[in-house]
């Protein structure tokens, strides 16, 4: 059966097919325009855990997402396919996460890791393992890019997209990141881990191809991170407090979004840490902070970017952690679906006309 025949015979109003790919869609990887690459990894988590289970939770919840998206009603026809992560990624994540916990505990007790040979050795092994992961992710992403696919990375903790950015850097010499997050993630080798989830954006801006980092929704940061920002012209920060102050004083969200987008270069990657949202959207995310964006504020900014004339070159969604119910996965699946739509529309693919009532 051809892809067109599948489109003609598939009923998007019915529940998703249980043996199908993400969102219950019937398409193969070859037939799909969008490939979602899961990276179930969370070695350096220092507070809450569970992000490595995020891709599976989003996959499971995706079958309950209605495919008629108001903004992108024909998105499903493009095909969205969730790749299978290499089995050893999750196995190694569990192994090195266990190795990392005594290191984190020792640091919390005020101990110096270099003075404890066994822990220092483990720390070096973990840093080597995370380097290998990023190289593997980079190569994995590039294989899909060579096939002309729109590739979205689905974490895992926020350390996981570094290899993705490195893959984008092989194609683009000058690009920016629109970074949704509660945290700056600009710590330098946080807790000794070169590729800590809290260091992802510091590591990212070391890539010469990344010329601008625009952070939105920030509400938790350290002195070291402020000093990093003061030492570079690459970073522009919109804290949640500053954004809300402007809203309370009468500035519109539309005007604020226009200002945010104006700070970005022509080519842009979206990095979305789910804790950018208010916590009730993501109650089990690892490092929650009061405040945050509403779901609609975030998707409005994403849509404004997609329609701005800027070129979206990549998307990652991270730090979704399931709890006792499927709420976090549900929100993650719906946000991912919207990101797919905005990415596809920005690339000129036919996602249909907005449904009006």
C-alpha atoms as a PDB file:
ATOM      1  CA  UNK A   1       0.000   0.000   0.000  1.00  0.00           C
ATOM      2  CA  UNK A   2       1.366   3.411  -0.955  1.00  0.00           C
ATOM      3  CA  UNK A   3       1.466   6.377   1.397  1.00  0.00           C
ATOM      4  CA  UNK A   4      -1.378   8.040  -0.506  1.00  0.00           C
ATOM      5  CA  UNK A   5      -3.469   4.893  -0.186  1.00  0.00           C
ATOM      6  CA  UNK A   6      -2.798   4.856   3.541  1.00  0.00           C
ATOM      7  CA  UNK A   7      -3.930   8.487   3.787  1.00  0.00           C
ATOM      8  CA  UNK A   8      -7.128   7.683   1.900  1.00  0.00           C
ATOM      9  CA  UNK A   9      -8.005   4.635   4.005  1.00  0.00           C
ATOM     10  CA  UNK A  10      -6.855   5.847   7.436  1.00  0.00           C
ATOM     11  CA  UNK A  11      -9.538   7.376   9.660  1.00  0.00           C
ATOM     12  CA  UNK A  12      -7.968  10.127  11.813  1.00  0.00           C
ATOM     13  CA  UNK A  13     -11.137  10.377  13.910  1.00  0.00           C
ATOM     14  CA  UNK A  14     -10.697   6.865  15.255  1.00  0.00           C
ATOM     15  CA  UNK A  15      -8.274   5.866  18.032  1.00  0.00           C
ATOM     16  CA  UNK A  16      -4.676   5.482  16.873  1.00  0.00           C
ATOM     17  CA  UNK A  17      -3.544   2.074  15.675  1.00  0.00           C
ATOM     18  CA  UNK A  18      -1.986   0.152  18.576  1.00  0.00           C
ATOM     19  CA  UNK A  19       0.727  -1.375  16.407  1.00  0.00           C
ATOM     20  CA  UNK A  20       1.590   1.904  14.687  1.00  0.00           C
ATOM     21  CA  UNK A  21       4.185   4.567  15.280  1.00  0.00           C
ATOM     22  CA  UNK A  22       3.751   7.690  17.444  1.00  0.00           C
ATOM     23  CA  UNK A  23       0.237   9.254  17.391  1.00  0.00           C
ATOM     24  CA  UNK A  24      -1.068   5.953  16.040  1.00  0.00           C
ATOM     25  CA  UNK A  25      -0.048   6.858  12.496  1.00  0.00           C
ATOM     26  CA  UNK A  26       0.263   4.118   9.871  1.00  0.00           C
ATOM     27  CA  UNK A  27       3.350   5.416   8.049  1.00  0.00           C
ATOM     28  CA  UNK A  28       6.825   3.934   7.848  1.00  0.00           C
ATOM     29  CA  UNK A  29       9.967   5.961   8.473  1.00  0.00           C
ATOM     30  CA  UNK A  30      10.539   6.234   4.735  1.00  0.00           C
ATOM     31  CA  UNK A  31       7.012   7.594   4.241  1.00  0.00           C
ATOM     32  CA  UNK A  32       7.258  10.123   7.080  1.00  0.00           C
ATOM     33  CA  UNK A  33       8.479  13.696   6.689  1.00  0.00           C
ATOM     34  CA  UNK A  34       9.243  14.067  10.409  1.00  0.00           C
ATOM     35  CA  UNK A  35      11.451  11.724  12.420  1.00  0.00           C
ATOM     36  CA  UNK A  36      11.457  11.875  16.222  1.00  0.00           C
ATOM     37  CA  UNK A  37      14.691  10.543  17.722  1.00  0.00           C
ATOM     38  CA  UNK A  38      14.319   9.504  21.399  1.00  0.00           C
ATOM     39  CA  UNK A  39      17.345   9.750  23.690  1.00  0.00           C
ATOM     40  CA  UNK A  40      16.385   8.064  27.011  1.00  0.00           C
ATOM     41  CA  UNK A  41      19.293   9.384  29.081  1.00  0.00           C
ATOM     42  CA  UNK A  42      19.520  11.082  32.503  1.00  0.00           C
ATOM     43  CA  UNK A  43      22.904  10.311  34.051  1.00  0.00           C
ATOM     44  CA  UNK A  44      23.618  13.631  35.808  1.00  0.00           C
ATOM     45  CA  UNK A  45      20.241  14.350  37.402  1.00  0.00           C
ATOM     46  CA  UNK A  46      20.770  16.055  40.741  1.00  0.00           C
ATOM     47  CA  UNK A  47      17.203  16.440  42.016  1.00  0.00           C
ATOM     48  CA  UNK A  48      14.138  14.693  40.565  1.00  0.00           C
ATOM     49  CA  UNK A  49      14.500  11.714  38.249  1.00  0.00           C
ATOM     50  CA  UNK A  50      12.509  10.109  35.466  1.00  0.00           C
ATOM     51  CA  UNK A  51      13.459  12.078  32.340  1.00  0.00           C
ATOM     52  CA  UNK A  52      14.872   8.964  30.678  1.00  0.00           C
ATOM     53  CA  UNK A  53      11.311   7.582  30.768  1.00  0.00           C
ATOM     54  CA  UNK A  54       9.961  10.682  29.041  1.00  0.00           C
ATOM     55  CA  UNK A  55      10.129   9.475  25.419  1.00  0.00           C
ATOM     56  CA  UNK A  56       8.198   6.311  26.246  1.00  0.00           C
ATOM     57  CA  UNK A  57       5.610   8.261  28.258  1.00  0.00           C
ATOM     58  CA  UNK A  58       5.100  10.672  25.367  1.00  0.00           C
ATOM     59  CA  UNK A  59       4.813   7.797  22.898  1.00  0.00           C
ATOM     60  CA  UNK A  60       2.195   6.041  25.031  1.00  0.00           C
ATOM     61  CA  UNK A  61       0.172   9.235  25.566  1.00  0.00           C
ATOM     62  CA  UNK A  62       0.347  10.205  21.883  1.00  0.00           C
ATOM     63  CA  UNK A  63      -2.339   7.669  20.958  1.00  0.00           C
ATOM     64  CA  UNK A  64      -4.886   9.803  22.805  1.00  0.00           C
ATOM     65  CA  UNK A  65      -4.072  12.979  20.856  1.00  0.00           C
ATOM     66  CA  UNK A  66      -6.757  13.943  18.338  1.00  0.00           C
ATOM     67  CA  UNK A  67      -5.060  14.309  14.959  1.00  0.00           C
ATOM     68  CA  UNK A  68      -7.170  17.258  13.807  1.00  0.00           C
ATOM     69  CA  UNK A  69      -4.944  20.009  15.184  1.00  0.00           C
ATOM     70  CA  UNK A  70      -6.692  23.374  14.882  1.00  0.00           C
ATOM     71  CA  UNK A  71      -3.560  25.128  13.589  1.00  0.00           C
ATOM     72  CA  UNK A  72      -2.233  22.248  11.473  1.00  0.00           C
ATOM     73  CA  UNK A  73      -5.199  20.025  10.490  1.00  0.00           C
ATOM     74  CA  UNK A  74      -3.310  18.107   7.771  1.00  0.00           C
ATOM     75  CA  UNK A  75      -0.120  17.615   9.790  1.00  0.00           C
ATOM     76  CA  UNK A  76      -0.789  13.925  10.314  1.00  0.00           C
ATOM     77  CA  UNK A  77      -0.745  13.312   6.551  1.00  0.00           C
ATOM     78  CA  UNK A  78       2.930  14.290   6.406  1.00  0.00           C
ATOM     79  CA  UNK A  79       3.844  11.365   8.625  1.00  0.00           C
ATOM     80  CA  UNK A  80       5.557  11.510  12.012  1.00  0.00           C
ATOM     81  CA  UNK A  81       7.680   8.504  12.854  1.00  0.00           C
ATOM     82  CA  UNK A  82       9.348   7.748  16.184  1.00  0.00           C
ATOM     83  CA  UNK A  83      12.701   6.099  15.743  1.00  0.00           C
ATOM     84  CA  UNK A  84      13.931   3.384  18.097  1.00  0.00           C
ATOM     85  CA  UNK A  85      16.796   4.441  20.341  1.00  0.00           C
ATOM     86  CA  UNK A  86      19.752   2.057  20.407  1.00  0.00           C
ATOM     87  CA  UNK A  87      19.110  -0.293  23.326  1.00  0.00           C
ATOM     88  CA  UNK A  88      22.429   0.461  24.998  1.00  0.00           C
ATOM     89  CA  UNK A  89      21.560   4.145  25.497  1.00  0.00           C
ATOM     90  CA  UNK A  90      19.015   3.379  28.210  1.00  0.00           C
ATOM     91  CA  UNK A  91      21.136   0.576  29.703  1.00  0.00           C
ATOM     92  CA  UNK A  92      24.185   2.837  29.984  1.00  0.00           C
ATOM     93  CA  UNK A  93      22.061   5.684  31.328  1.00  0.00           C
ATOM     94  CA  UNK A  94      20.863   3.478  34.192  1.00  0.00           C
ATOM     95  CA  UNK A  95      24.399   2.228  34.870  1.00  0.00           C
ATOM     96  CA  UNK A  96      26.116   5.628  34.920  1.00  0.00           C
ATOM     97  CA  UNK A  97      23.228   7.288  36.741  1.00  0.00           C
ATOM     98  CA  UNK A  98      23.824   4.827  39.602  1.00  0.00           C
ATOM     99  CA  UNK A  99      27.548   5.621  39.475  1.00  0.00           C
ATOM    100  CA  UNK A 100      26.839   9.363  39.574  1.00  0.00           C
ATOM    101  CA  UNK A 101      24.711   9.347  42.713  1.00  0.00           C
ATOM    102  CA  UNK A 102      27.582   8.745  45.215  1.00  0.00           C
ATOM    103  CA  UNK A 103      29.495  11.568  43.530  1.00  0.00           C
ATOM    104  CA  UNK A 104      26.583  13.959  43.911  1.00  0.00           C
ATOM    105  CA  UNK A 105      26.056  12.854  47.515  1.00  0.00           C
ATOM    106  CA  UNK A 106      29.739  13.399  48.334  1.00  0.00           C
ATOM    107  CA  UNK A 107      29.589  16.896  46.880  1.00  0.00           C
ATOM    108  CA  UNK A 108      26.494  17.672  48.940  1.00  0.00           C
ATOM    109  CA  UNK A 109      28.474  16.619  52.006  1.00  0.00           C
ATOM    110  CA  UNK A 110      31.223  19.078  51.105  1.00  0.00           C
ATOM    111  CA  UNK A 111      33.787  16.497  50.022  1.00  0.00           C
ATOM    112  CA  UNK A 112      36.364  17.043  47.276  1.00  0.00           C
ATOM    113  CA  UNK A 113      36.008  14.387  44.587  1.00  0.00           C
ATOM    114  CA  UNK A 114      39.658  14.553  43.499  1.00  0.00           C
ATOM    115  CA  UNK A 115      40.593  13.480  47.018  1.00  0.00           C
ATOM    116  CA  UNK A 116      38.506  10.302  46.730  1.00  0.00           C
ATOM    117  CA  UNK A 117      40.210   8.155  44.052  1.00  0.00           C
ATOM    118  CA  UNK A 118      37.313   5.752  43.491  1.00  0.00           C
ATOM    119  CA  UNK A 119      34.801   8.539  42.941  1.00  0.00           C
ATOM    120  CA  UNK A 120      37.216  10.562  40.825  1.00  0.00           C
ATOM    121  CA  UNK A 121      37.706   7.562  38.564  1.00  0.00           C
ATOM    122  CA  UNK A 122      33.942   7.104  38.237  1.00  0.00           C
ATOM    123  CA  UNK A 123      33.557  10.795  37.400  1.00  0.00           C
ATOM    124  CA  UNK A 124      36.094  10.466  34.588  1.00  0.00           C
ATOM    125  CA  UNK A 125      34.300   7.365  33.280  1.00  0.00           C
ATOM    126  CA  UNK A 126      30.973   9.182  33.275  1.00  0.00           C
ATOM    127  CA  UNK A 127      32.435  12.143  31.377  1.00  0.00           C
ATOM    128  CA  UNK A 128      33.879   9.761  28.798  1.00  0.00           C
ATOM    129  CA  UNK A 129      30.521   7.976  28.508  1.00  0.00           C
ATOM    130  CA  UNK A 130      28.590  11.203  27.937  1.00  0.00           C
ATOM    131  CA  UNK A 131      31.082  12.225  25.263  1.00  0.00           C
ATOM    132  CA  UNK A 132      30.492   8.913  23.494  1.00  0.00           C
ATOM    133  CA  UNK A 133      26.723   9.413  23.729  1.00  0.00           C
ATOM    134  CA  UNK A 134      26.882  12.842  22.109  1.00  0.00           C
ATOM    135  CA  UNK A 135      29.012  11.487  19.278  1.00  0.00           C
ATOM    136  CA  UNK A 136      26.531   8.657  18.722  1.00  0.00           C
ATOM    137  CA  UNK A 137      23.569  11.052  18.810  1.00  0.00           C
ATOM    138  CA  UNK A 138      25.320  13.327  16.314  1.00  0.00           C
ATOM    139  CA  UNK A 139      25.908  10.465  13.894  1.00  0.00           C
ATOM    140  CA  UNK A 140      22.367   9.130  14.376  1.00  0.00           C
ATOM    141  CA  UNK A 141      20.841  12.537  13.646  1.00  0.00           C
ATOM    142  CA  UNK A 142      23.032  13.046  10.588  1.00  0.00           C
ATOM    143  CA  UNK A 143      21.861   9.754   9.076  1.00  0.00           C
ATOM    144  CA  UNK A 144      18.262  11.008   9.108  1.00  0.00           C
ATOM    145  CA  UNK A 145      19.279  14.467   7.887  1.00  0.00           C
ATOM    146  CA  UNK A 146      20.987  12.884   4.870  1.00  0.00           C
ATOM    147  CA  UNK A 147      17.611  11.373   3.961  1.00  0.00           C
ATOM    148  CA  UNK A 148      16.022  14.832   3.909  1.00  0.00           C
ATOM    149  CA  UNK A 149      13.927  14.320   7.048  1.00  0.00           C
ATOM    150  CA  UNK A 150      12.882  16.956   9.548  1.00  0.00           C
ATOM    151  CA  UNK A 151      14.484  15.599  12.718  1.00  0.00           C
ATOM    152  CA  UNK A 152      13.305  16.301  16.269  1.00  0.00           C
ATOM    153  CA  UNK A 153      15.223  15.106  19.311  1.00  0.00           C
ATOM    154  CA  UNK A 154      13.184  13.878  22.262  1.00  0.00           C
ATOM    155  CA  UNK A 155      15.009  13.612  25.611  1.00  0.00           C
ATOM    156  CA  UNK A 156      15.880  12.493  28.201  1.00  0.00           C
ATOM    157  CA  UNK A 157      17.443  15.174  30.351  1.00  0.00           C
ATOM    158  CA  UNK A 158      18.645  18.442  28.880  1.00  0.00           C
ATOM    159  CA  UNK A 159      22.188  17.199  28.307  1.00  0.00           C
ATOM    160  CA  UNK A 160      20.962  15.045  25.417  1.00  0.00           C
ATOM    161  CA  UNK A 161      20.733  17.592  22.543  1.00  0.00           C
ATOM    162  CA  UNK A 162      24.441  18.524  22.404  1.00  0.00           C
ATOM    163  CA  UNK A 163      25.183  15.958  19.693  1.00  0.00           C
ATOM    164  CA  UNK A 164      22.092  17.240  17.865  1.00  0.00           C
ATOM    165  CA  UNK A 165      23.506  20.779  17.867  1.00  0.00           C
ATOM    166  CA  UNK A 166      26.824  19.414  16.645  1.00  0.00           C
ATOM    167  CA  UNK A 167      24.984  17.723  13.768  1.00  0.00           C
ATOM    168  CA  UNK A 168      23.237  21.000  12.897  1.00  0.00           C
ATOM    169  CA  UNK A 169      26.617  22.747  13.042  1.00  0.00           C
ATOM    170  CA  UNK A 170      27.821  20.584  10.144  1.00  0.00           C
ATOM    171  CA  UNK A 171      25.078  22.138   7.996  1.00  0.00           C
ATOM    172  CA  UNK A 172      24.765  25.704   9.307  1.00  0.00           C
ATOM    173  CA  UNK A 173      27.598  28.149   9.991  1.00  0.00           C
ATOM    174  CA  UNK A 174      25.532  30.706  11.885  1.00  0.00           C
ATOM    175  CA  UNK A 175      22.478  29.711  13.893  1.00  0.00           C
ATOM    176  CA  UNK A 176      20.745  30.535  17.133  1.00  0.00           C
ATOM    177  CA  UNK A 177      18.820  28.655  19.787  1.00  0.00           C
ATOM    178  CA  UNK A 178      15.451  29.769  21.124  1.00  0.00           C
ATOM    179  CA  UNK A 179      15.679  28.227  24.565  1.00  0.00           C
ATOM    180  CA  UNK A 180      12.529  27.720  26.658  1.00  0.00           C
ATOM    181  CA  UNK A 181      13.504  26.851  30.236  1.00  0.00           C
ATOM    182  CA  UNK A 182      13.177  27.660  33.919  1.00  0.00           C
ATOM    183  CA  UNK A 183      16.992  27.483  34.156  1.00  0.00           C
ATOM    184  CA  UNK A 184      19.831  29.086  32.234  1.00  0.00           C
ATOM    185  CA  UNK A 185      21.788  25.806  32.034  1.00  0.00           C
ATOM    186  CA  UNK A 186      24.991  27.840  31.741  1.00  0.00           C
ATOM    187  CA  UNK A 187      26.881  26.202  34.610  1.00  0.00           C
ATOM    188  CA  UNK A 188      30.390  25.086  33.752  1.00  0.00           C
ATOM    189  CA  UNK A 189      30.751  21.309  34.258  1.00  0.00           C
ATOM    190  CA  UNK A 190      28.145  21.346  37.028  1.00  0.00           C
ATOM    191  CA  UNK A 191      29.099  18.996  39.883  1.00  0.00           C
ATOM    192  CA  UNK A 192      32.131  17.967  37.841  1.00  0.00           C
ATOM    193  CA  UNK A 193      30.067  16.461  35.016  1.00  0.00           C
ATOM    194  CA  UNK A 194      31.269  17.901  31.712  1.00  0.00           C
ATOM    195  CA  UNK A 195      27.920  17.236  30.095  1.00  0.00           C
ATOM    196  CA  UNK A 196      25.571  17.941  32.986  1.00  0.00           C
ATOM    197  CA  UNK A 197      21.967  18.764  32.204  1.00  0.00           C
ATOM    198  CA  UNK A 198      22.723  22.093  33.921  1.00  0.00           C
ATOM    199  CA  UNK A 199      25.613  22.769  31.507  1.00  0.00           C
ATOM    200  CA  UNK A 200      23.952  22.135  28.147  1.00  0.00           C
ATOM    201  CA  UNK A 201      23.737  25.758  27.024  1.00  0.00           C
ATOM    202  CA  UNK A 202      27.247  26.580  28.235  1.00  0.00           C
ATOM    203  CA  UNK A 203      28.495  23.671  26.123  1.00  0.00           C
ATOM    204  CA  UNK A 204      26.293  24.735  23.209  1.00  0.00           C
ATOM    205  CA  UNK A 205      27.630  28.288  23.014  1.00  0.00           C
ATOM    206  CA  UNK A 206      31.167  26.924  22.830  1.00  0.00           C
ATOM    207  CA  UNK A 207      30.267  25.822  19.285  1.00  0.00           C
ATOM    208  CA  UNK A 208      31.364  28.685  16.995  1.00  0.00           C
ATOM    209  CA  UNK A 209      28.397  28.029  14.694  1.00  0.00           C
ATOM    210  CA  UNK A 210      25.963  28.942  17.482  1.00  0.00           C
ATOM    211  CA  UNK A 211      26.026  32.717  17.410  1.00  0.00           C
ATOM    212  CA  UNK A 212      23.008  33.528  19.592  1.00  0.00           C
ATOM    213  CA  UNK A 213      21.200  31.968  22.528  1.00  0.00           C
ATOM    214  CA  UNK A 214      17.875  33.575  23.431  1.00  0.00           C
ATOM    215  CA  UNK A 215      16.468  32.267  26.714  1.00  0.00           C
ATOM    216  CA  UNK A 216      12.790  32.605  27.618  1.00  0.00           C
ATOM    217  CA  UNK A 217      11.024  31.897  30.919  1.00  0.00           C
ATOM    218  CA  UNK A 218      14.157  31.815  33.083  1.00  0.00           C
ATOM    219  CA  UNK A 219      13.507  31.986  36.802  1.00  0.00           C
ATOM    220  CA  UNK A 220      16.437  30.234  38.479  1.00  0.00           C
ATOM    221  CA  UNK A 221      20.156  30.943  37.977  1.00  0.00           C
ATOM    222  CA  UNK A 222      23.515  31.138  39.733  1.00  0.00           C
ATOM    223  CA  UNK A 223      26.215  33.782  40.041  1.00  0.00           C
ATOM    224  CA  UNK A 224      28.468  31.720  37.778  1.00  0.00           C
ATOM    225  CA  UNK A 225      25.810  31.733  35.062  1.00  0.00           C
ATOM    226  CA  UNK A 226      25.407  35.510  35.318  1.00  0.00           C
ATOM    227  CA  UNK A 227      29.166  35.850  34.908  1.00  0.00           C
ATOM    228  CA  UNK A 228      29.052  33.644  31.804  1.00  0.00           C
ATOM    229  CA  UNK A 229      26.415  35.943  30.291  1.00  0.00           C
ATOM    230  CA  UNK A 230      28.397  39.054  31.197  1.00  0.00           C
ATOM    231  CA  UNK A 231      31.418  37.576  29.422  1.00  0.00           C
ATOM    232  CA  UNK A 232      29.730  37.009  26.058  1.00  0.00           C
ATOM    233  CA  UNK A 233      27.501  38.795  23.588  1.00  0.00           C
ATOM    234  CA  UNK A 234      25.967  35.492  22.473  1.00  0.00           C
ATOM    235  CA  UNK A 235      23.285  35.307  25.161  1.00  0.00           C
ATOM    236  CA  UNK A 236      20.074  37.304  25.576  1.00  0.00           C
ATOM    237  CA  UNK A 237      17.884  36.463  28.584  1.00  0.00           C
ATOM    238  CA  UNK A 238      14.170  37.067  29.083  1.00  0.00           C
ATOM    239  CA  UNK A 239      13.475  36.075  32.667  1.00  0.00           C
ATOM    240  CA  UNK A 240       9.978  35.072  33.636  1.00  0.00           C
ATOM    241  CA  UNK A 241       9.930  37.935  36.145  1.00  0.00           C
ATOM    242  CA  UNK A 242      10.840  40.553  33.534  1.00  0.00           C
ATOM    243  CA  UNK A 243       8.314  39.200  31.039  1.00  0.00           C
ATOM    244  CA  UNK A 244       5.519  39.149  33.605  1.00  0.00           C
ATOM    245  CA  UNK A 245       6.382  42.652  34.797  1.00  0.00           C
ATOM    246  CA  UNK A 246       5.996  43.962  31.248  1.00  0.00           C
ATOM    247  CA  UNK A 247       2.717  42.074  30.849  1.00  0.00           C
ATOM    248  CA  UNK A 248       1.386  43.443  34.153  1.00  0.00           C
ATOM    249  CA  UNK A 249       2.306  46.964  33.037  1.00  0.00           C
ATOM    250  CA  UNK A 250       0.334  46.670  29.808  1.00  0.00           C
ATOM    251  CA  UNK A 251       2.710  45.371  27.146  1.00  0.00           C
ATOM    252  CA  UNK A 252       1.162  42.670  24.988  1.00  0.00           C
ATOM    253  CA  UNK A 253       2.498  39.123  24.649  1.00  0.00           C
ATOM    254  CA  UNK A 254       2.514  39.713  20.888  1.00  0.00           C
ATOM    255  CA  UNK A 255       4.938  42.632  21.264  1.00  0.00           C
ATOM    256  CA  UNK A 256       7.139  40.681  23.652  1.00  0.00           C
ATOM    257  CA  UNK A 257       7.284  37.745  21.220  1.00  0.00           C
ATOM    258  CA  UNK A 258       8.208  40.090  18.371  1.00  0.00           C
ATOM    259  CA  UNK A 259      11.072  41.429  20.477  1.00  0.00           C
ATOM    260  CA  UNK A 260      12.268  37.921  21.362  1.00  0.00           C
ATOM    261  CA  UNK A 261      12.228  36.769  17.727  1.00  0.00           C
ATOM    262  CA  UNK A 262      14.075  39.902  16.598  1.00  0.00           C
ATOM    263  CA  UNK A 263      17.050  38.838  18.736  1.00  0.00           C
ATOM    264  CA  UNK A 264      17.504  35.612  16.766  1.00  0.00           C
ATOM    265  CA  UNK A 265      19.582  35.061  13.616  1.00  0.00           C
ATOM    266  CA  UNK A 266      18.002  33.745  10.422  1.00  0.00           C
ATOM    267  CA  UNK A 267      18.512  30.052  11.248  1.00  0.00           C
ATOM    268  CA  UNK A 268      17.037  28.923  14.568  1.00  0.00           C
ATOM    269  CA  UNK A 269      16.812  25.719  16.601  1.00  0.00           C
ATOM    270  CA  UNK A 270      14.098  25.477  19.260  1.00  0.00           C
ATOM    271  CA  UNK A 271      15.144  23.855  22.542  1.00  0.00           C
ATOM    272  CA  UNK A 272      12.181  23.278  24.857  1.00  0.00           C
ATOM    273  CA  UNK A 273      12.703  22.143  28.437  1.00  0.00           C
ATOM    274  CA  UNK A 274       9.244  21.274  29.710  1.00  0.00           C
ATOM    275  CA  UNK A 275       9.899  23.080  33.017  1.00  0.00           C
ATOM    276  CA  UNK A 276       9.627  26.370  31.130  1.00  0.00           C
ATOM    277  CA  UNK A 277       5.899  25.831  31.625  1.00  0.00           C
ATOM    278  CA  UNK A 278       3.990  26.389  34.841  1.00  0.00           C
ATOM    279  CA  UNK A 279       4.438  23.346  37.019  1.00  0.00           C
ATOM    280  CA  UNK A 280       0.887  22.088  36.844  1.00  0.00           C
ATOM    281  CA  UNK A 281       1.615  21.196  33.207  1.00  0.00           C
ATOM    282  CA  UNK A 282       4.632  19.095  34.224  1.00  0.00           C
ATOM    283  CA  UNK A 283       4.330  18.164  37.928  1.00  0.00           C
ATOM    284  CA  UNK A 284       6.994  15.441  37.759  1.00  0.00           C
ATOM    285  CA  UNK A 285       9.750  17.255  35.889  1.00  0.00           C
ATOM    286  CA  UNK A 286      13.108  16.999  37.612  1.00  0.00           C
ATOM    287  CA  UNK A 287      13.868  20.561  38.765  1.00  0.00           C
ATOM    288  CA  UNK A 288      10.586  22.494  39.070  1.00  0.00           C
ATOM    289  CA  UNK A 289      10.475  26.235  39.802  1.00  0.00           C
ATOM    290  CA  UNK A 290       7.409  28.386  40.641  1.00  0.00           C
ATOM    291  CA  UNK A 291       6.129  30.599  37.853  1.00  0.00           C
ATOM    292  CA  UNK A 292       6.521  29.908  34.172  1.00  0.00           C
ATOM    293  CA  UNK A 293       4.763  30.194  30.845  1.00  0.00           C
ATOM    294  CA  UNK A 294       1.320  28.939  30.016  1.00  0.00           C
ATOM    295  CA  UNK A 295       1.026  26.312  27.285  1.00  0.00           C
ATOM    296  CA  UNK A 296      -0.668  28.883  25.044  1.00  0.00           C
ATOM    297  CA  UNK A 297       2.018  31.518  25.603  1.00  0.00           C
ATOM    298  CA  UNK A 298       4.669  29.020  24.559  1.00  0.00           C
ATOM    299  CA  UNK A 299       2.842  27.775  21.461  1.00  0.00           C
ATOM    300  CA  UNK A 300       1.993  31.342  20.434  1.00  0.00           C
ATOM    301  CA  UNK A 301       5.702  32.248  20.480  1.00  0.00           C
ATOM    302  CA  UNK A 302       6.542  29.074  18.547  1.00  0.00           C
ATOM    303  CA  UNK A 303       3.895  29.932  15.927  1.00  0.00           C
ATOM    304  CA  UNK A 304       5.134  33.522  15.673  1.00  0.00           C
ATOM    305  CA  UNK A 305       8.627  32.198  15.022  1.00  0.00           C
ATOM    306  CA  UNK A 306       7.342  29.747  12.403  1.00  0.00           C
ATOM    307  CA  UNK A 307       5.597  32.603  10.563  1.00  0.00           C
ATOM    308  CA  UNK A 308       8.346  35.200  11.036  1.00  0.00           C
ATOM    309  CA  UNK A 309      10.475  34.444   7.985  1.00  0.00           C
ATOM    310  CA  UNK A 310      13.175  32.888  10.171  1.00  0.00           C
ATOM    311  CA  UNK A 311      14.287  29.376   9.238  1.00  0.00           C
ATOM    312  CA  UNK A 312      13.645  26.702  11.879  1.00  0.00           C
ATOM    313  CA  UNK A 313      16.442  24.141  11.471  1.00  0.00           C
ATOM    314  CA  UNK A 314      15.770  21.873  14.435  1.00  0.00           C
ATOM    315  CA  UNK A 315      13.706  21.155  17.537  1.00  0.00           C
ATOM    316  CA  UNK A 316      14.350  19.345  20.792  1.00  0.00           C
ATOM    317  CA  UNK A 317      11.964  18.627  23.663  1.00  0.00           C
ATOM    318  CA  UNK A 318      13.419  17.451  26.974  1.00  0.00           C
ATOM    319  CA  UNK A 319      12.867  16.810  30.689  1.00  0.00           C
ATOM    320  CA  UNK A 320       9.387  15.287  30.478  1.00  0.00           C
ATOM    321  CA  UNK A 321       9.210  12.849  33.393  1.00  0.00           C
ATOM    322  CA  UNK A 322       6.186  10.587  33.952  1.00  0.00           C
ATOM    323  CA  UNK A 323       4.486  10.280  37.318  1.00  0.00           C
ATOM    324  CA  UNK A 324       1.811   7.944  38.637  1.00  0.00           C
ATOM    325  CA  UNK A 325      -0.583   8.972  35.853  1.00  0.00           C
ATOM    326  CA  UNK A 326      -0.120   9.933  32.211  1.00  0.00           C
ATOM    327  CA  UNK A 327      -0.504  13.713  32.611  1.00  0.00           C
ATOM    328  CA  UNK A 328       3.142  14.663  31.961  1.00  0.00           C
ATOM    329  CA  UNK A 329       3.261  12.397  28.930  1.00  0.00           C
ATOM    330  CA  UNK A 330      -0.035  13.834  27.726  1.00  0.00           C
ATOM    331  CA  UNK A 331       1.238  17.419  27.875  1.00  0.00           C
ATOM    332  CA  UNK A 332       4.533  16.362  26.301  1.00  0.00           C
ATOM    333  CA  UNK A 333       2.770  14.558  23.448  1.00  0.00           C
ATOM    334  CA  UNK A 334       0.598  17.566  22.675  1.00  0.00           C
ATOM    335  CA  UNK A 335       3.508  19.981  22.835  1.00  0.00           C
ATOM    336  CA  UNK A 336       5.541  17.699  20.570  1.00  0.00           C
ATOM    337  CA  UNK A 337       2.654  17.553  18.080  1.00  0.00           C
ATOM    338  CA  UNK A 338       2.498  21.349  18.009  1.00  0.00           C
ATOM    339  CA  UNK A 339       6.262  21.601  17.541  1.00  0.00           C
ATOM    340  CA  UNK A 340       6.017  19.156  14.623  1.00  0.00           C
ATOM    341  CA  UNK A 341       3.343  21.324  13.035  1.00  0.00           C
ATOM    342  CA  UNK A 342       5.256  24.571  13.437  1.00  0.00           C
ATOM    343  CA  UNK A 343       8.445  22.963  12.112  1.00  0.00           C
ATOM    344  CA  UNK A 344       6.658  21.533   9.069  1.00  0.00           C
ATOM    345  CA  UNK A 345       4.770  24.761   8.314  1.00  0.00           C
ATOM    346  CA  UNK A 346       7.970  26.782   8.546  1.00  0.00           C
ATOM    347  CA  UNK A 347       9.520  24.447   5.972  1.00  0.00           C
ATOM    348  CA  UNK A 348       6.656  25.087   3.558  1.00  0.00           C
ATOM    349  CA  UNK A 349       5.052  21.670   3.934  1.00  0.00           C
ATOM    350  CA  UNK A 350       1.284  21.432   3.596  1.00  0.00           C
ATOM    351  CA  UNK A 351      -0.223  21.279   7.082  1.00  0.00           C
ATOM    352  CA  UNK A 352      -3.633  22.595   6.000  1.00  0.00           C
ATOM    353  CA  UNK A 353      -5.449  25.793   6.859  1.00  0.00           C
ATOM    354  CA  UNK A 354      -6.370  26.716  10.434  1.00  0.00           C
ATOM    355  CA  UNK A 355      -9.793  25.431  11.446  1.00  0.00           C
ATOM    356  CA  UNK A 356     -12.064  28.387  12.238  1.00  0.00           C
ATOM    357  CA  UNK A 357     -15.426  28.335  13.975  1.00  0.00           C
END
